[in-house]
Amino acid sequence: MKISTDVILILRKISECVSREITTQEKLDFLAASNDFKRLIVWVTGSVIDSPEIVNELSSIDKIKAIPVLRRLRVCYSQPIKFLFSDLAELSTLLCPDLSQAMNSIRDVLLTDDEGAVRLSRVLSRGPFCSFFEDFERKLTIEKPHSMYPTSAFRESRGAIVATADDHAVEAMMSCHTYTSIRIEEHILSIDNQTLKNIYQPHGRCVCLIDQNVDDSYGGRIESYFAHHSVTLEKLVYRAMEIDKALNTVEKILGDFKSLGISRNEPILIIGGGVLADIGGLACALYHRNTPYIMVGSSIVSAIDAGPSPRTCCDGYGYKNLLGAYHSPILTITDRSFFKTLKVGWLRHGVAEIIKMAVVKDETLFCDLESAGSDLFKSKFGIEEDNVETQGIKELSDKILAGAMRSYVSAEYENLFETHQCRPHAYGHTWSPGFEIKAGLLHGHAVSIGMGFGAFLSKRKNWIDDQSFLRIIRLIENFELSLWHDVLLDEPLIWQAQQRIIEKRGGNLAAPVPKRKIGECGYINELDRCELRKTISEYHSFCSARDRHGIGIEPLCSDVGLEDPSTVHKPHEPVLAAQ
């Protein structure tokens, strides 16, 4: 079936049916007897939604937002019919908006009517195609179990084995397809915004894990949004500083999940910064081993880095990010309206995660950052455009956010489980995790120090020319980020950080740095202790000649009102160099 013709035609026929002046029961019975409705159900449950044919068609008509809707429809057969019509209403809005009124009306009825809780399979069994669907169910159970008895619409596993004749030796091959969506939207909490409403109305409630600071600023708006849409809100408010990024916090979250009886297909809503993204995502990974979640980033780090990242984690045993799991959100939303209440220092350090992608992945993004300069965070990414002289900062901010997101996601999701260490998005994260906590640095400043040092190493190896090196340094400086901290003079600590990262990366240093030109990446794999010490000394001399001796503005956690993470660091427990 072609979406632009066949699917839209069937949606029109469904719309005509549900618009008739008959009871809801009669409408559903009519659909159960419709050959077109049967064709649609067979198609959506049996299709490979990420097939080139479907993806290319939706891309050609600029409707890729329909992909996650079709993905959810694939598991509609054994679900309550209210989920089916919620998805059909959203699909109609995307593909043919003139049908949305009729589809929204039947959806709203089914969300409150007892009939809406009846499974689609039961509705179909009442119609003249009951024998067909009996055979169809048997076929689905064998050939498409993910469609028949789904745990999640967002993961699909496949496998195969080969064994000896006596079965004493078995070799298995397993793969997992994980699906996620990334969106840049504004005013996600506006009553008119349908995104969260469409997701949570069929469930009847929303379990929301929220950063305490975000709740202070937006808690009332979140409550009003879900109350307006008749969705019960269960709010779990947590403080989320670096010192809270611990296993005991994850355990508390898990206890809250258990007390609320969260099911395996109920998506948690997480609203917060990078720390909450990490620990909340880890809790979701652990609970039922696969609880879906939606991430709404309230900071730069969570919006374009920690939020969409599949790497969920917490600190442990004095080591940074020691414990974790690979568990991506099903949807990441970047809403820069949340940036309005952030301190400039929060935004400044978050920009480091954008710079890293620009330097080693996207030259155009790098040039855009040069054009924006510090106006980017001073305007809070265009939210306070009137406060700066630069014209068009909002449009440039949009372009930068989108470019950073695309560059990061393309690098991250091509290597979901870190099965190799050719990871450009780890630029700046080779030595920095080893000194970040001890120095009490904000994450972004620790990363920018790592980026400056990495670029210096690259220039020293003649991998980049002097001009490119100085452009990178000036970009970091223009955003008032750090190039230096005296913690780098703790030679045993930095060497230990390097050894730890080698351990974490499977025996290779694999330090990503710019190579050849800005926007391209290479990997340093050999750096002995003597050379490391010598390079740090030379880099120190270089930084000493820079403005502020290479020290950024508000580089410490304490500078922006956060508790100093070094206060909970145990001296006898070295900080693990891990990302």
Protein backbone atom coordinates (compact mmCIF):
# COMPACT_ATOMS: atom_id res chain seq x y z
CA MET A 1 0.00 0.00 0.00
CA LYS A 2 1.14 3.51 -0.78
CA ILE A 3 0.67 5.97 2.05
CA SER A 4 0.03 9.00 -0.13
CA THR A 5 -2.83 7.26 -1.96
CA ASP A 6 -4.11 4.00 -0.45
CA VAL A 7 -3.69 4.83 3.25
CA ILE A 8 -5.12 8.32 2.92
CA LEU A 9 -8.10 6.95 0.95
CA ILE A 10 -8.84 4.43 3.72
CA LEU A 11 -8.52 7.14 6.35
CA ARG A 12 -11.14 9.14 4.45
CA LYS A 13 -13.51 6.17 4.46
CA ILE A 14 -12.97 5.65 8.18
CA SER A 15 -13.63 9.35 8.71
CA GLU A 16 -16.89 9.12 6.77
CA CYS A 17 -17.97 6.16 8.90
CA VAL A 18 -17.23 7.72 12.28
CA SER A 19 -18.99 10.94 11.20
CA ARG A 20 -22.33 9.12 10.78
CA GLU A 21 -25.15 9.77 13.25
CA ILE A 22 -25.08 6.29 14.78
CA THR A 23 -23.90 4.88 18.09
CA THR A 24 -20.24 4.22 18.82
CA GLN A 25 -20.97 0.48 18.90
CA GLU A 26 -22.55 0.68 15.45
CA LYS A 27 -19.58 2.63 14.08
CA LEU A 28 -17.15 0.00 15.31
CA ASP A 29 -19.32 -2.84 13.96
CA PHE A 30 -19.43 -1.11 10.59
CA LEU A 31 -15.64 -0.82 10.53
CA ALA A 32 -15.26 -4.47 11.54
CA ALA A 33 -17.27 -5.34 8.42
CA SER A 34 -15.26 -3.01 6.16
CA ASN A 35 -12.80 -4.57 3.75
CA ASP A 36 -10.82 -1.31 3.66
CA PHE A 37 -10.46 -1.29 7.44
CA LYS A 38 -9.33 -4.91 7.29
CA ARG A 39 -6.70 -4.00 4.68
CA LEU A 40 -5.41 -1.18 6.88
CA ILE A 41 -5.06 -3.39 9.97
CA VAL A 42 -3.30 -6.14 8.02
CA TRP A 43 -0.95 -3.61 6.48
CA VAL A 44 0.04 -1.69 9.62
CA THR A 45 0.61 -4.83 11.71
CA GLY A 46 2.61 -6.60 9.02
CA SER A 47 4.67 -3.75 7.57
CA VAL A 48 8.30 -3.01 8.25
CA ILE A 49 7.90 0.64 9.16
CA ASP A 50 11.58 1.45 8.73
CA SER A 51 11.71 -0.15 5.29
CA PRO A 52 13.27 2.03 2.57
CA GLU A 53 9.99 2.11 0.66
CA ILE A 54 8.00 3.60 3.55
CA VAL A 55 10.76 5.91 4.79
CA ASN A 56 11.51 7.23 1.31
CA GLU A 57 7.84 7.85 0.53
CA LEU A 58 7.27 9.73 3.77
CA SER A 59 10.47 11.71 3.22
CA SER A 60 9.39 12.63 -0.29
CA ILE A 61 6.17 14.17 1.02
CA ASP A 62 7.89 15.69 4.10
CA LYS A 63 5.89 13.56 6.54
CA ILE A 64 8.56 11.70 8.52
CA LYS A 65 6.71 12.58 11.74
CA ALA A 66 4.24 9.89 10.67
CA ILE A 67 6.90 7.17 11.17
CA PRO A 68 6.53 6.82 14.97
CA VAL A 69 2.73 6.86 14.61
CA LEU A 70 2.84 3.99 12.11
CA ARG A 71 5.29 2.23 14.42
CA ARG A 72 2.76 2.42 17.27
CA LEU A 73 -0.02 1.26 14.95
CA ARG A 74 2.00 -1.85 14.21
CA VAL A 75 1.18 -3.13 17.72
CA CYS A 76 -2.49 -2.09 17.71
CA TYR A 77 -4.02 -5.55 17.25
CA SER A 78 -3.98 -6.63 20.91
CA GLN A 79 -4.40 -3.16 22.39
CA PRO A 80 -7.56 -1.32 23.51
CA ILE A 81 -9.20 0.36 20.57
CA LYS A 82 -8.77 3.81 22.12
CA PHE A 83 -5.04 3.51 21.34
CA LEU A 84 -5.81 2.68 17.71
CA PHE A 85 -8.01 5.73 17.22
CA SER A 86 -5.64 8.01 19.11
CA ASP A 87 -2.96 7.03 16.61
CA LEU A 88 -5.31 7.25 13.63
CA ALA A 89 -6.32 10.75 14.73
CA GLU A 90 -2.67 11.81 14.90
CA LEU A 91 -1.92 10.14 11.57
CA SER A 92 -4.84 11.92 9.94
CA THR A 93 -3.66 15.27 11.30
CA LEU A 94 -0.24 14.67 9.76
CA LEU A 95 -1.33 13.26 6.39
CA CYS A 96 -4.70 14.91 5.69
CA PRO A 97 -5.63 17.60 8.23
CA ASP A 98 -9.17 17.98 6.81
CA LEU A 99 -10.00 14.61 8.41
CA SER A 100 -8.71 15.53 11.85
CA GLN A 101 -12.00 16.86 13.24
CA ALA A 102 -13.91 13.60 12.65
CA MET A 103 -11.02 11.44 13.85
CA ASN A 104 -10.46 13.55 16.95
CA SER A 105 -14.15 13.32 17.79
CA ILE A 106 -14.28 9.50 17.76
CA ARG A 107 -10.96 9.39 19.64
CA ASP A 108 -12.35 11.66 22.38
CA VAL A 109 -15.45 9.49 22.70
CA LEU A 110 -13.43 6.28 22.98
CA LEU A 111 -11.11 7.80 25.58
CA THR A 112 -14.05 8.15 27.96
CA ASP A 113 -16.39 5.38 26.74
CA ASP A 114 -16.19 1.82 28.08
CA GLU A 115 -16.08 0.62 24.48
CA GLY A 116 -12.67 2.27 24.14
CA ALA A 117 -11.16 -0.28 26.54
CA VAL A 118 -12.17 -3.22 24.31
CA ARG A 119 -9.24 -4.70 22.41
CA LEU A 120 -9.17 -4.28 18.64
CA SER A 121 -8.96 -8.06 18.20
CA ARG A 122 -12.28 -8.42 20.06
CA VAL A 123 -13.95 -5.77 17.87
CA LEU A 124 -12.75 -7.53 14.72
CA SER A 125 -13.95 -10.90 15.97
CA ARG A 126 -17.51 -9.53 16.04
CA GLY A 127 -17.49 -8.86 12.30
CA PRO A 128 -17.90 -11.03 9.20
CA PHE A 129 -14.12 -11.47 8.89
CA CYS A 130 -13.81 -13.31 12.19
CA SER A 131 -12.49 -16.50 10.51
CA PHE A 132 -9.94 -14.48 8.57
CA PHE A 133 -8.69 -12.83 11.73
CA GLU A 134 -8.47 -16.14 13.58
CA ASP A 135 -6.02 -17.31 10.91
CA PHE A 136 -4.38 -13.90 10.95
CA GLU A 137 -3.74 -14.13 14.69
CA ARG A 138 -2.08 -17.52 14.32
CA LYS A 139 0.09 -16.15 11.53
CA LEU A 140 1.05 -13.07 13.57
CA THR A 141 1.94 -15.19 16.59
CA ILE A 142 4.44 -17.17 14.50
CA GLU A 143 5.71 -14.56 12.02
CA LYS A 144 5.18 -11.20 13.78
CA PRO A 145 5.10 -11.84 17.54
CA HIS A 146 6.08 -8.20 18.15
CA SER A 147 2.81 -7.18 16.54
CA MET A 148 0.67 -9.78 18.28
CA TYR A 149 1.94 -9.66 21.84
CA PRO A 150 4.13 -6.55 22.08
CA THR A 151 6.06 -5.45 25.13
CA SER A 152 7.03 -2.23 23.43
CA ALA A 153 6.47 -0.60 20.07
CA PHE A 154 10.00 0.81 20.24
CA ARG A 155 12.17 -2.29 20.34
CA GLU A 156 12.28 -5.38 18.22
CA SER A 157 14.68 -8.27 18.67
CA ARG A 158 15.69 -10.92 16.19
CA GLY A 159 17.90 -13.95 16.48
CA ALA A 160 19.09 -17.21 14.97
CA ILE A 161 21.03 -20.23 16.16
CA VAL A 162 23.09 -23.05 14.70
CA ALA A 163 23.82 -26.21 16.66
CA THR A 164 25.70 -29.47 16.37
CA ALA A 165 23.76 -32.66 15.70
CA ASP A 166 23.73 -33.53 19.42
CA ASP A 167 23.04 -29.92 20.51
CA HIS A 168 26.14 -29.93 22.71
CA ALA A 169 27.36 -26.79 21.01
CA VAL A 170 25.09 -23.93 20.09
CA GLU A 171 26.02 -20.64 18.47
CA ALA A 172 23.54 -17.79 18.61
CA MET A 173 23.23 -14.50 16.78
CA MET A 174 21.02 -11.80 18.27
CA SER A 175 20.17 -8.30 17.16
CA CYS A 176 17.92 -5.58 18.50
CA HIS A 177 16.26 -2.76 16.62
CA THR A 178 15.63 0.26 18.83
CA TYR A 179 13.53 3.18 17.64
CA THR A 180 13.54 6.75 18.84
CA SER A 181 12.38 10.19 17.70
CA ILE A 182 14.03 13.56 18.23
CA ARG A 183 12.08 16.81 18.00
CA ILE A 184 12.79 20.49 18.42
CA GLU A 185 9.58 22.16 19.57
CA GLU A 186 8.68 25.31 21.43
CA HIS A 187 6.22 25.72 24.28
CA ILE A 188 5.65 22.02 24.81
CA LEU A 189 3.54 22.89 27.87
CA SER A 190 1.22 25.22 26.00
CA ILE A 191 -2.38 24.01 26.18
CA ASP A 192 -2.58 24.07 22.38
CA ASN A 193 0.47 21.83 21.99
CA GLN A 194 -0.76 18.30 21.26
CA THR A 195 2.46 16.32 21.59
CA LEU A 196 2.30 15.17 25.21
CA LYS A 197 -1.49 15.04 25.19
CA ASN A 198 -1.53 12.59 22.28
CA ILE A 199 0.89 10.29 24.10
CA TYR A 200 -0.65 10.27 27.56
CA GLN A 201 -4.40 10.60 27.02
CA PRO A 202 -4.85 6.94 26.01
CA HIS A 203 -2.95 5.86 29.15
CA GLY A 204 -5.12 8.06 31.34
CA ARG A 205 -2.17 9.28 33.40
CA CYS A 206 1.35 10.60 33.15
CA VAL A 207 4.10 9.63 35.58
CA CYS A 208 6.48 12.58 35.45
CA LEU A 209 10.00 12.50 36.89
CA ILE A 210 11.03 16.12 37.25
CA ASP A 211 14.05 18.09 38.40
CA GLN A 212 13.34 20.06 41.60
CA ASN A 213 14.52 23.33 40.05
CA VAL A 214 12.34 22.78 36.98
CA ASP A 215 9.37 22.02 39.22
CA ASP A 216 9.91 25.28 41.08
CA SER A 217 9.67 27.19 37.79
CA TYR A 218 7.27 25.08 35.72
CA GLY A 219 5.49 22.72 38.11
CA GLY A 220 2.26 24.71 37.99
CA ARG A 221 2.25 24.80 34.18
CA ILE A 222 2.83 21.06 33.99
CA GLU A 223 -0.09 20.43 36.35
CA SER A 224 -2.35 22.79 34.41
CA TYR A 225 -1.43 21.19 31.08
CA PHE A 226 -2.36 17.66 32.08
CA ALA A 227 -5.43 18.77 34.08
CA HIS A 228 -6.72 20.59 31.01
CA HIS A 229 -6.39 17.39 28.97
CA SER A 230 -7.97 15.22 31.70
CA VAL A 231 -4.78 13.26 32.31
CA THR A 232 -3.93 12.28 35.88
CA LEU A 233 -0.46 13.56 36.76
CA GLU A 234 1.80 11.62 39.12
CA LYS A 235 4.74 13.94 39.80
CA LEU A 236 8.01 12.59 41.20
CA VAL A 237 10.21 15.55 42.16
CA TYR A 238 13.94 14.94 42.63
CA ARG A 239 16.94 17.11 43.31
CA ALA A 240 19.42 16.46 40.51
CA MET A 241 22.90 17.77 41.22
CA GLU A 242 26.08 15.86 40.42
CA ILE A 243 26.27 14.60 44.00
CA ASP A 244 22.78 13.11 43.55
CA LYS A 245 23.96 11.11 40.55
CA ALA A 246 24.29 7.99 42.66
CA LEU A 247 22.89 4.49 42.87
CA ASN A 248 20.87 5.27 46.00
CA THR A 249 18.99 7.96 44.04
CA VAL A 250 18.27 5.46 41.27
CA GLU A 251 16.99 3.01 43.90
CA LYS A 252 14.62 5.66 45.28
CA ILE A 253 13.25 6.31 41.80
CA LEU A 254 12.73 2.57 41.28
CA GLY A 255 10.80 2.44 44.55
CA ASP A 256 8.53 5.23 43.32
CA PHE A 257 7.97 3.37 40.05
CA LYS A 258 6.99 0.23 41.96
CA SER A 259 4.59 2.07 44.26
CA LEU A 260 2.82 3.53 41.23
CA GLY A 261 2.57 0.16 39.47
CA ILE A 262 4.11 1.34 36.21
CA SER A 263 3.59 -1.13 33.37
CA ARG A 264 6.13 -2.15 30.72
CA ASN A 265 4.48 -0.12 27.98
CA GLU A 266 3.76 3.05 29.98
CA PRO A 267 6.22 5.81 29.02
CA ILE A 268 7.71 7.82 31.87
CA LEU A 269 8.03 11.56 31.25
CA ILE A 270 11.40 12.98 32.39
CA ILE A 271 11.80 16.77 32.50
CA GLY A 272 15.17 18.04 33.63
CA GLY A 273 18.86 18.47 32.97
CA GLY A 274 21.69 16.10 32.23
CA VAL A 275 21.88 14.49 35.68
CA LEU A 276 18.18 13.62 35.73
CA ALA A 277 18.40 12.36 32.14
CA ASP A 278 21.19 9.99 33.21
CA ILE A 279 19.71 8.65 36.45
CA GLY A 280 16.09 8.71 35.31
CA GLY A 281 16.99 6.91 32.10
CA LEU A 282 18.96 4.33 34.10
CA ALA A 283 15.97 3.73 36.39
CA CYS A 284 13.79 3.15 33.31
CA ALA A 285 16.37 0.75 31.88
CA LEU A 286 16.31 -1.26 35.10
CA TYR A 287 12.58 -1.23 35.82
CA HIS A 288 11.00 -4.16 33.96
CA ARG A 289 14.41 -4.17 32.19
CA ASN A 290 12.88 -1.97 29.50
CA THR A 291 10.51 0.80 30.58
CA PRO A 292 10.05 3.45 27.87
CA TYR A 293 10.59 7.10 28.66
CA ILE A 294 10.25 10.49 27.03
CA MET A 295 12.93 13.10 27.65
CA VAL A 296 12.21 16.82 27.72
CA GLY A 297 15.54 18.58 28.20
CA SER A 298 15.52 21.68 30.37
CA SER A 299 19.22 22.46 29.78
CA ILE A 300 21.58 22.47 26.81
CA VAL A 301 23.32 19.31 28.02
CA SER A 302 20.07 17.37 28.34
CA ALA A 303 18.55 18.89 25.22
CA ILE A 304 21.22 17.88 22.72
CA ASP A 305 23.49 15.43 24.52
CA ALA A 306 22.46 13.53 27.67
CA GLY A 307 18.77 13.63 26.72
CA PRO A 308 18.83 11.73 23.41
CA SER A 309 21.83 9.65 24.45
CA PRO A 310 21.26 5.91 24.86
CA ARG A 311 23.93 5.87 27.60
CA THR A 312 22.19 6.12 30.96
CA CYS A 313 24.36 6.09 34.05
CA CYS A 314 25.23 7.14 37.57
CA ASP A 315 28.44 7.64 39.50
CA GLY A 316 29.61 4.93 41.85
CA TYR A 317 32.47 4.01 44.21
CA GLY A 318 34.06 7.41 43.66
CA TYR A 319 34.05 6.93 39.88
CA LYS A 320 32.14 9.07 37.39
CA ASN A 321 29.53 7.26 35.28
CA LEU A 322 30.75 3.84 36.42
CA LEU A 323 27.30 2.21 36.45
CA GLY A 324 24.89 2.32 33.58
CA ALA A 325 22.91 0.74 30.78
CA TYR A 326 22.17 1.44 27.12
CA HIS A 327 18.56 2.59 27.02
CA SER A 328 17.49 5.38 24.68
CA PRO A 329 14.34 7.47 25.16
CA ILE A 330 11.50 6.77 22.75
CA LEU A 331 11.19 10.52 22.20
CA THR A 332 13.48 13.46 22.97
CA ILE A 333 12.04 16.97 22.90
CA THR A 334 14.22 20.06 22.90
CA ASP A 335 12.19 23.08 23.97
CA ARG A 336 14.36 26.13 24.34
CA SER A 337 11.62 28.01 26.18
CA PHE A 338 12.94 26.16 29.24
CA PHE A 339 16.25 28.00 28.79
CA LYS A 340 14.63 31.30 29.80
CA THR A 341 14.87 30.58 33.52
CA LEU A 342 18.43 29.21 33.40
CA LYS A 343 21.42 31.13 34.65
CA VAL A 344 23.83 32.19 31.94
CA GLY A 345 26.49 29.98 33.53
CA TRP A 346 24.32 26.92 32.93
CA LEU A 347 23.91 27.80 29.27
CA ARG A 348 27.57 28.66 28.81
CA HIS A 349 28.81 25.30 30.04
CA GLY A 350 26.18 23.50 27.98
CA VAL A 351 27.51 25.06 24.77
CA ALA A 352 30.65 22.94 25.17
CA GLU A 353 28.67 19.88 24.06
CA ILE A 354 27.76 21.72 20.86
CA ILE A 355 31.32 22.86 20.21
CA LYS A 356 32.62 19.29 20.45
CA MET A 357 30.35 18.16 17.61
CA ALA A 358 31.25 21.19 15.51
CA VAL A 359 35.00 20.64 15.83
CA VAL A 360 35.09 16.96 14.87
CA LYS A 361 31.86 16.41 12.94
CA ASP A 362 30.32 19.52 11.35
CA GLU A 363 32.28 22.43 9.90
CA THR A 364 29.08 24.33 9.04
CA LEU A 365 28.00 24.14 12.67
CA PHE A 366 31.43 25.44 13.67
CA CYS A 367 31.04 28.47 11.40
CA ASP A 368 27.56 29.14 12.78
CA LEU A 369 28.97 29.09 16.31
CA GLU A 370 31.65 31.57 15.26
CA SER A 371 28.93 33.84 13.87
CA ALA A 372 26.76 33.61 16.99
CA GLY A 373 29.48 33.97 19.60
CA SER A 374 28.49 34.58 23.20
CA ASP A 375 25.21 36.15 22.03
CA LEU A 376 24.04 32.57 21.75
CA PHE A 377 23.88 31.99 25.49
CA LYS A 378 23.42 35.66 26.47
CA SER A 379 20.19 35.68 24.45
CA LYS A 380 19.39 32.25 25.92
CA PHE A 381 19.32 30.81 22.40
CA GLY A 382 17.13 33.56 21.01
CA ILE A 383 14.52 33.50 23.74
CA GLU A 384 15.63 36.97 24.87
CA GLU A 385 16.50 38.30 21.44
CA ASP A 386 15.87 41.92 22.39
CA ASN A 387 18.72 41.83 24.88
CA VAL A 388 21.42 41.57 22.20
CA GLU A 389 22.33 43.63 19.21
CA THR A 390 22.84 40.71 16.85
CA GLN A 391 19.98 40.42 14.43
CA GLY A 392 18.55 37.04 13.58
CA ILE A 393 19.99 35.33 16.65
CA LYS A 394 16.78 33.33 17.06
CA GLU A 395 17.06 31.87 13.55
CA LEU A 396 20.76 31.19 14.05
CA SER A 397 20.01 29.55 17.40
CA ASP A 398 17.48 27.28 15.70
CA LYS A 399 20.05 26.29 13.11
CA ILE A 400 22.71 25.61 15.74
CA LEU A 401 20.43 23.51 17.94
CA ALA A 402 19.24 21.49 14.96
CA GLY A 403 22.75 20.98 13.61
CA ALA A 404 24.10 19.94 17.01
CA MET A 405 21.25 17.48 17.50
CA ARG A 406 21.65 15.93 14.05
CA SER A 407 25.44 15.62 14.38
CA TYR A 408 25.26 14.12 17.86
CA VAL A 409 22.48 11.65 17.09
CA SER A 410 24.08 10.46 13.86
CA ALA A 411 27.32 9.71 15.71
CA GLU A 412 25.67 8.18 18.77
CA TYR A 413 23.11 5.94 17.11
CA GLU A 414 25.49 4.54 14.55
CA ASN A 415 27.24 2.92 17.51
CA LEU A 416 24.41 2.36 19.97
CA PHE A 417 26.13 -0.05 22.35
CA GLU A 418 29.65 1.37 21.97
CA THR A 419 30.77 -1.76 20.14
CA HIS A 420 33.67 0.25 18.74
CA GLN A 421 35.54 3.33 19.92
CA CYS A 422 35.50 5.44 16.76
CA ARG A 423 33.29 7.90 18.61
CA PRO A 424 33.74 11.56 17.55
CA HIS A 425 31.25 12.72 20.18
CA ALA A 426 33.72 11.62 22.87
CA TYR A 427 35.98 14.55 21.91
CA GLY A 428 36.88 16.38 25.10
CA HIS A 429 35.84 13.38 27.22
CA THR A 430 39.08 11.40 27.32
CA TRP A 431 40.89 12.96 30.30
CA SER A 432 38.16 15.29 31.62
CA PRO A 433 36.11 12.69 33.54
CA GLY A 434 39.24 11.91 35.51
CA PHE A 435 39.58 15.43 36.90
CA GLU A 436 36.06 16.90 36.66
CA ILE A 437 34.85 15.87 40.11
CA LYS A 438 38.09 16.53 41.99
CA ALA A 439 38.35 20.03 40.51
CA GLY A 440 34.67 20.79 41.21
CA LEU A 441 34.25 21.83 37.57
CA LEU A 442 31.02 22.19 35.69
CA HIS A 443 30.87 19.42 33.12
CA GLY A 444 31.06 21.79 30.15
CA HIS A 445 34.21 23.49 31.44
CA ALA A 446 35.86 20.13 32.08
CA VAL A 447 34.98 19.13 28.51
CA SER A 448 36.25 22.41 27.03
CA ILE A 449 39.58 21.88 28.83
CA GLY A 450 39.68 18.41 27.30
CA MET A 451 38.88 19.86 23.88
CA GLY A 452 41.61 22.48 24.13
CA PHE A 453 44.16 19.89 25.20
CA GLY A 454 43.02 17.49 22.47
CA ALA A 455 43.37 20.18 19.81
CA PHE A 456 46.84 21.00 21.16
CA LEU A 457 47.84 17.34 20.87
CA SER A 458 46.53 17.27 17.31
CA LYS A 459 48.52 20.37 16.34
CA ARG A 460 51.61 18.91 18.01
CA LYS A 461 51.25 15.82 15.80
CA ASN A 462 50.76 18.06 12.74
CA TRP A 463 47.26 16.65 12.27
CA ILE A 464 45.83 20.17 12.03
CA ASP A 465 47.48 23.41 11.02
CA ASP A 466 48.08 26.41 13.26
CA GLN A 467 45.15 28.34 11.81
CA SER A 468 42.64 25.58 12.51
CA PHE A 469 44.03 25.10 16.00
CA LEU A 470 43.71 28.78 16.86
CA ARG A 471 40.16 28.90 15.47
CA ILE A 472 39.21 26.09 17.87
CA ILE A 473 40.91 27.82 20.80
CA ARG A 474 39.31 31.18 20.00
CA LEU A 475 35.86 29.58 19.71
CA ILE A 476 36.21 28.08 23.18
CA GLU A 477 37.44 31.41 24.53
CA ASN A 478 34.67 33.40 22.81
CA PHE A 479 32.12 31.31 24.66
CA GLU A 480 33.98 32.08 27.92
CA LEU A 481 34.73 28.41 28.52
CA SER A 482 37.87 27.08 30.15
CA LEU A 483 41.04 25.92 28.48
CA TRP A 484 42.89 25.28 31.70
CA HIS A 485 42.60 24.29 35.36
CA ASP A 486 45.54 23.63 37.66
CA VAL A 487 44.22 20.13 38.31
CA LEU A 488 46.06 19.21 35.08
CA LEU A 489 49.30 19.65 37.02
CA ASP A 490 48.37 16.63 39.17
CA GLU A 491 50.35 14.31 36.94
CA PRO A 492 49.48 11.03 38.74
CA LEU A 493 45.76 11.88 38.53
CA ILE A 494 45.85 12.67 34.80
CA TRP A 495 47.89 9.56 34.02
CA GLN A 496 45.46 7.48 36.02
CA ALA A 497 42.58 9.08 34.12
CA GLN A 498 44.22 8.01 30.87
CA GLN A 499 44.77 4.46 32.11
CA ARG A 500 41.17 4.22 33.25
CA ILE A 501 39.80 5.39 29.92
CA ILE A 502 41.99 2.84 28.13
CA GLU A 503 40.49 0.19 30.37
CA LYS A 504 36.98 1.45 29.62
CA ARG A 505 37.62 1.59 25.89
CA GLY A 506 38.69 -2.02 25.65
CA GLY A 507 42.46 -1.52 25.70
CA ASN A 508 42.72 1.47 23.36
CA LEU A 509 43.10 5.15 24.16
CA ALA A 510 41.15 6.08 21.00
CA ALA A 511 41.15 9.77 21.94
CA PRO A 512 39.11 11.67 19.33
CA VAL A 513 40.70 14.92 18.15
CA PRO A 514 40.33 17.16 15.09
CA LYS A 515 42.34 15.87 12.14
CA ARG A 516 43.06 17.31 8.69
CA LYS A 517 40.52 20.10 9.06
CA ILE A 518 37.71 21.36 11.26
CA GLY A 519 34.74 19.03 10.98
CA GLU A 520 36.82 15.85 10.66
CA CYS A 521 38.01 13.46 13.35
CA GLY A 522 41.04 11.29 14.05
CA TYR A 523 42.04 9.16 17.02
CA ILE A 524 45.22 9.27 19.10
CA ASN A 525 45.98 5.80 20.40
CA GLU A 526 49.55 6.12 21.71
CA LEU A 527 50.57 8.59 24.39
CA ASP A 528 53.10 7.42 26.98
CA ARG A 529 53.49 8.95 30.42
CA CYS A 530 56.56 10.98 29.55
CA GLU A 531 54.91 12.42 26.44
CA LEU A 532 51.69 13.18 28.35
CA ARG A 533 53.63 15.05 31.03
CA LYS A 534 55.63 17.01 28.46
CA THR A 535 52.53 17.93 26.44
CA ILE A 536 50.65 19.13 29.52
CA SER A 537 53.63 21.33 30.44
CA GLU A 538 53.70 22.86 26.95
CA TYR A 539 49.92 23.31 26.98
CA HIS A 540 50.17 25.03 30.37
CA SER A 541 52.65 27.52 28.93
CA PHE A 542 50.35 28.14 25.98
CA CYS A 543 47.29 28.71 28.20
CA SER A 544 49.21 30.99 30.57
CA ALA A 545 49.64 33.46 27.72
CA ARG A 546 45.90 33.54 26.94
CA ASP A 547 43.30 35.86 28.46
CA ARG A 548 42.52 34.94 32.07
CA HIS A 549 45.33 32.37 31.72
CA GLY A 550 42.89 30.06 29.99
CA ILE A 551 40.38 30.03 32.87
CA GLY A 552 36.75 30.43 31.83
CA ILE A 553 33.94 32.44 33.40
CA GLU A 554 32.17 30.63 36.27
CA PRO A 555 33.95 27.32 35.67
CA LEU A 556 33.04 25.72 39.00
CA CYS A 557 29.80 24.09 40.13
CA SER A 558 29.84 26.40 43.13
CA ASP A 559 29.89 29.41 40.79
CA VAL A 560 26.33 28.65 39.64
CA GLY A 561 24.93 27.62 42.99
CA LEU A 562 25.59 23.87 42.81
CA GLU A 563 27.16 21.88 45.59
CA ASP A 564 30.81 21.23 44.88
CA PRO A 565 31.03 17.55 43.79
CA SER A 566 34.59 17.39 45.12
CA THR A 567 33.17 17.61 48.63
CA VAL A 568 31.77 14.12 48.31
CA HIS A 569 34.83 12.73 46.54
CA LYS A 570 36.83 10.30 48.66
CA PRO A 571 40.57 10.87 48.21
CA HIS A 572 41.38 7.15 48.40
CA GLU A 573 38.91 6.43 45.62
CA PRO A 574 40.24 7.76 42.32
CA VAL A 575 37.82 9.20 39.83
CA LEU A 576 37.25 6.85 36.94
CA ALA A 577 37.87 8.29 33.53
CA ALA A 578 34.64 7.29 31.91
CA GLN A 579 32.11 9.03 29.73
